[in-house]
């Protein structure tokens, strides 16, 4: 059972890395390091939460809102 949790964690990590790629590409005017920081911060908001199925989607939505505001500034 521990292995499936690890595989799930790996899949989530890949999905979150994909979020960074998408947002960094969509908002090139925002420094990539800032995009990574925002996504990492949003991802950590879900630490310890048992249901992980939609975490990457929720992380992307919250991070995009912040990055979009930076891009407009």
N, C-alpha and C. Protein backbone atom coordinates (compact mmCIF):
# COMPACT_ATOMS: atom_id res chain seq x y z
N UNK A 1 0.82 -1.19 0.00
CA UNK A 1 0.00 0.00 0.00
C UNK A 1 0.87 1.25 0.00
N UNK A 2 1.99 1.22 0.65
CA UNK A 2 2.88 2.36 0.68
C UNK A 2 3.37 2.72 -0.72
N UNK A 3 3.59 1.69 -1.55
CA UNK A 3 4.04 1.93 -2.92
C UNK A 3 3.02 2.72 -3.72
N UNK A 4 1.74 2.41 -3.60
CA UNK A 4 0.73 3.14 -4.37
C UNK A 4 0.66 4.59 -3.93
N UNK A 5 0.84 4.86 -2.64
CA UNK A 5 0.86 6.25 -2.17
C UNK A 5 2.05 6.96 -2.78
N UNK A 6 3.19 6.28 -2.87
CA UNK A 6 4.38 6.88 -3.45
C UNK A 6 4.17 7.17 -4.93
N UNK A 7 3.55 6.24 -5.63
CA UNK A 7 3.27 6.46 -7.05
C UNK A 7 2.32 7.63 -7.23
N UNK A 8 1.34 7.73 -6.35
CA UNK A 8 0.40 8.83 -6.40
C UNK A 8 1.13 10.15 -6.14
N UNK A 9 2.03 10.17 -5.17
CA UNK A 9 2.81 11.36 -4.86
C UNK A 9 3.66 11.77 -6.06
N UNK A 10 4.26 10.79 -6.73
CA UNK A 10 5.07 11.08 -7.92
C UNK A 10 4.22 11.67 -9.03
N UNK A 11 3.04 11.13 -9.22
CA UNK A 11 2.13 11.66 -10.24
C UNK A 11 1.69 13.07 -9.91
N UNK A 12 1.44 13.32 -8.65
CA UNK A 12 1.05 14.67 -8.23
C UNK A 12 2.21 15.64 -8.44
N UNK A 13 3.41 15.23 -8.10
CA UNK A 13 4.59 16.08 -8.29
C UNK A 13 4.77 16.42 -9.77
N UNK A 14 4.59 15.44 -10.63
CA UNK A 14 4.70 15.69 -12.09
C UNK A 14 3.61 16.65 -12.54
N UNK A 15 2.41 16.47 -12.03
CA UNK A 15 1.30 17.35 -12.41
C UNK A 15 1.56 18.79 -11.95
N UNK A 16 2.10 18.94 -10.76
CA UNK A 16 2.40 20.28 -10.26
C UNK A 16 3.55 20.90 -11.07
N UNK A 17 4.53 20.10 -11.46
CA UNK A 17 5.61 20.61 -12.33
C UNK A 17 5.02 21.06 -13.67
N UNK A 18 4.04 20.34 -14.17
CA UNK A 18 3.36 20.74 -15.41
C UNK A 18 2.63 22.07 -15.23
N UNK A 19 2.08 22.30 -14.05
CA UNK A 19 1.41 23.56 -13.74
C UNK A 19 2.42 24.71 -13.86
N UNK A 20 3.61 24.51 -13.29
CA UNK A 20 4.66 25.53 -13.39
C UNK A 20 4.97 25.81 -14.85
N UNK A 21 5.14 24.77 -15.64
CA UNK A 21 5.45 24.95 -17.07
C UNK A 21 4.36 25.74 -17.79
N UNK A 22 3.11 25.35 -17.57
CA UNK A 22 2.00 26.04 -18.24
C UNK A 22 1.92 27.51 -17.86
N UNK A 23 2.02 27.78 -16.56
CA UNK A 23 1.89 29.17 -16.11
C UNK A 23 3.11 30.01 -16.50
N UNK A 24 4.30 29.43 -16.46
CA UNK A 24 5.50 30.16 -16.88
C UNK A 24 5.43 30.48 -18.37
N UNK A 25 4.88 29.59 -19.15
CA UNK A 25 4.73 29.82 -20.59
C UNK A 25 3.64 30.85 -20.86
N UNK A 26 2.55 30.76 -20.14
CA UNK A 26 1.42 31.67 -20.35
C UNK A 26 1.74 33.09 -19.90
N UNK A 27 2.57 33.22 -18.86
CA UNK A 27 2.91 34.53 -18.30
C UNK A 27 4.43 34.73 -18.32
N UNK A 28 5.02 34.88 -19.51
CA UNK A 28 6.48 35.00 -19.60
C UNK A 28 7.02 36.28 -18.96
N UNK A 29 6.15 37.27 -18.75
CA UNK A 29 6.59 38.51 -18.13
C UNK A 29 6.81 38.36 -16.62
N UNK A 30 6.35 37.26 -16.05
CA UNK A 30 6.56 36.97 -14.64
C UNK A 30 7.76 36.03 -14.53
N UNK A 31 8.70 36.40 -13.69
CA UNK A 31 9.91 35.60 -13.51
C UNK A 31 9.56 34.15 -13.16
N UNK A 32 10.21 33.21 -13.82
CA UNK A 32 9.92 31.80 -13.61
C UNK A 32 10.09 31.39 -12.14
N UNK A 33 11.10 31.94 -11.48
CA UNK A 33 11.32 31.62 -10.07
C UNK A 33 10.12 32.06 -9.23
N UNK A 34 9.51 33.17 -9.60
CA UNK A 34 8.32 33.65 -8.89
C UNK A 34 7.14 32.71 -9.15
N UNK A 35 7.00 32.25 -10.38
CA UNK A 35 5.94 31.28 -10.71
C UNK A 35 6.14 30.01 -9.88
N UNK A 36 7.37 29.52 -9.84
CA UNK A 36 7.65 28.30 -9.08
C UNK A 36 7.35 28.51 -7.59
N UNK A 37 7.71 29.66 -7.05
CA UNK A 37 7.46 29.95 -5.64
C UNK A 37 5.96 29.97 -5.33
N UNK A 38 5.21 30.62 -6.20
CA UNK A 38 3.76 30.71 -6.00
C UNK A 38 3.12 29.33 -6.07
N UNK A 39 3.49 28.56 -7.08
CA UNK A 39 2.92 27.21 -7.23
C UNK A 39 3.31 26.34 -6.04
N UNK A 40 4.56 26.40 -5.62
CA UNK A 40 5.02 25.61 -4.47
C UNK A 40 4.24 26.01 -3.21
N UNK A 41 4.06 27.30 -2.99
CA UNK A 41 3.30 27.78 -1.83
C UNK A 41 1.87 27.28 -1.86
N UNK A 42 1.23 27.40 -3.02
CA UNK A 42 -0.16 26.92 -3.15
C UNK A 42 -0.24 25.41 -2.95
N UNK A 43 0.75 24.69 -3.45
CA UNK A 43 0.76 23.23 -3.30
C UNK A 43 0.87 22.85 -1.84
N UNK A 44 1.69 23.56 -1.08
CA UNK A 44 1.86 23.25 0.34
C UNK A 44 0.60 23.53 1.15
N UNK A 45 -0.29 24.34 0.63
CA UNK A 45 -1.56 24.59 1.32
C UNK A 45 -2.36 23.29 1.48
N UNK A 46 -2.07 22.30 0.65
CA UNK A 46 -2.80 21.03 0.67
C UNK A 46 -2.07 19.93 1.43
N UNK A 47 -0.93 20.27 2.04
CA UNK A 47 -0.20 19.27 2.83
C UNK A 47 -1.11 18.73 3.93
N UNK A 48 -1.09 17.43 4.09
CA UNK A 48 -1.86 16.80 5.15
C UNK A 48 -3.32 16.56 4.82
N UNK A 49 -3.76 17.03 3.67
CA UNK A 49 -5.16 16.81 3.27
C UNK A 49 -5.26 15.42 2.66
N UNK A 50 -6.27 14.64 3.06
CA UNK A 50 -6.34 13.25 2.62
C UNK A 50 -6.74 13.06 1.15
N UNK A 51 -7.59 13.90 0.63
CA UNK A 51 -8.04 13.71 -0.75
C UNK A 51 -7.12 14.51 -1.67
N UNK A 52 -6.44 13.81 -2.57
CA UNK A 52 -5.40 14.44 -3.39
C UNK A 52 -5.78 14.52 -4.87
N UNK A 53 -6.91 13.96 -5.26
CA UNK A 53 -7.27 13.83 -6.67
C UNK A 53 -7.24 15.15 -7.45
N UNK A 54 -7.68 16.22 -6.85
CA UNK A 54 -7.82 17.48 -7.58
C UNK A 54 -6.80 18.53 -7.15
N UNK A 55 -5.81 18.13 -6.37
CA UNK A 55 -4.83 19.09 -5.88
C UNK A 55 -4.16 19.86 -7.01
N UNK A 56 -3.63 19.23 -8.05
CA UNK A 56 -2.98 20.01 -9.11
C UNK A 56 -3.91 21.04 -9.76
N UNK A 57 -5.16 20.69 -9.96
CA UNK A 57 -6.12 21.62 -10.56
C UNK A 57 -6.36 22.81 -9.63
N UNK A 58 -6.53 22.53 -8.36
CA UNK A 58 -6.76 23.59 -7.38
C UNK A 58 -5.53 24.49 -7.22
N UNK A 59 -4.34 23.87 -7.24
CA UNK A 59 -3.10 24.63 -7.16
C UNK A 59 -2.98 25.56 -8.37
N UNK A 60 -3.26 25.03 -9.56
CA UNK A 60 -3.15 25.85 -10.77
C UNK A 60 -4.12 27.03 -10.72
N UNK A 61 -5.32 26.79 -10.30
CA UNK A 61 -6.32 27.86 -10.25
C UNK A 61 -5.88 28.97 -9.30
N UNK A 62 -5.43 28.61 -8.10
CA UNK A 62 -5.02 29.61 -7.11
C UNK A 62 -3.75 30.33 -7.56
N UNK A 63 -2.79 29.60 -8.09
CA UNK A 63 -1.53 30.20 -8.53
C UNK A 63 -1.77 31.13 -9.72
N UNK A 64 -2.62 30.70 -10.64
CA UNK A 64 -2.90 31.52 -11.83
C UNK A 64 -3.48 32.87 -11.43
N UNK A 65 -4.34 32.88 -10.45
CA UNK A 65 -4.95 34.13 -9.99
C UNK A 65 -3.87 35.10 -9.51
N UNK A 66 -2.92 34.60 -8.74
CA UNK A 66 -1.83 35.45 -8.24
C UNK A 66 -0.91 35.91 -9.36
N UNK A 67 -0.55 34.98 -10.24
CA UNK A 67 0.38 35.29 -11.33
C UNK A 67 -0.25 36.28 -12.30
N UNK A 68 -1.52 36.11 -12.57
CA UNK A 68 -2.22 37.03 -13.46
C UNK A 68 -2.18 38.45 -12.88
N UNK A 69 -2.37 38.59 -11.57
CA UNK A 69 -2.32 39.90 -10.93
C UNK A 69 -0.92 40.50 -11.05
N UNK A 70 0.11 39.70 -10.91
CA UNK A 70 1.49 40.19 -11.05
C UNK A 70 1.72 40.63 -12.49
N UNK A 71 1.24 39.84 -13.44
CA UNK A 71 1.46 40.13 -14.85
C UNK A 71 0.78 41.46 -15.25
N UNK A 72 -0.34 41.77 -14.63
CA UNK A 72 -1.06 43.01 -14.94
C UNK A 72 -0.39 44.23 -14.30
N UNK A 73 0.37 44.01 -13.24
CA UNK A 73 0.97 45.13 -12.51
C UNK A 73 2.07 45.83 -13.29
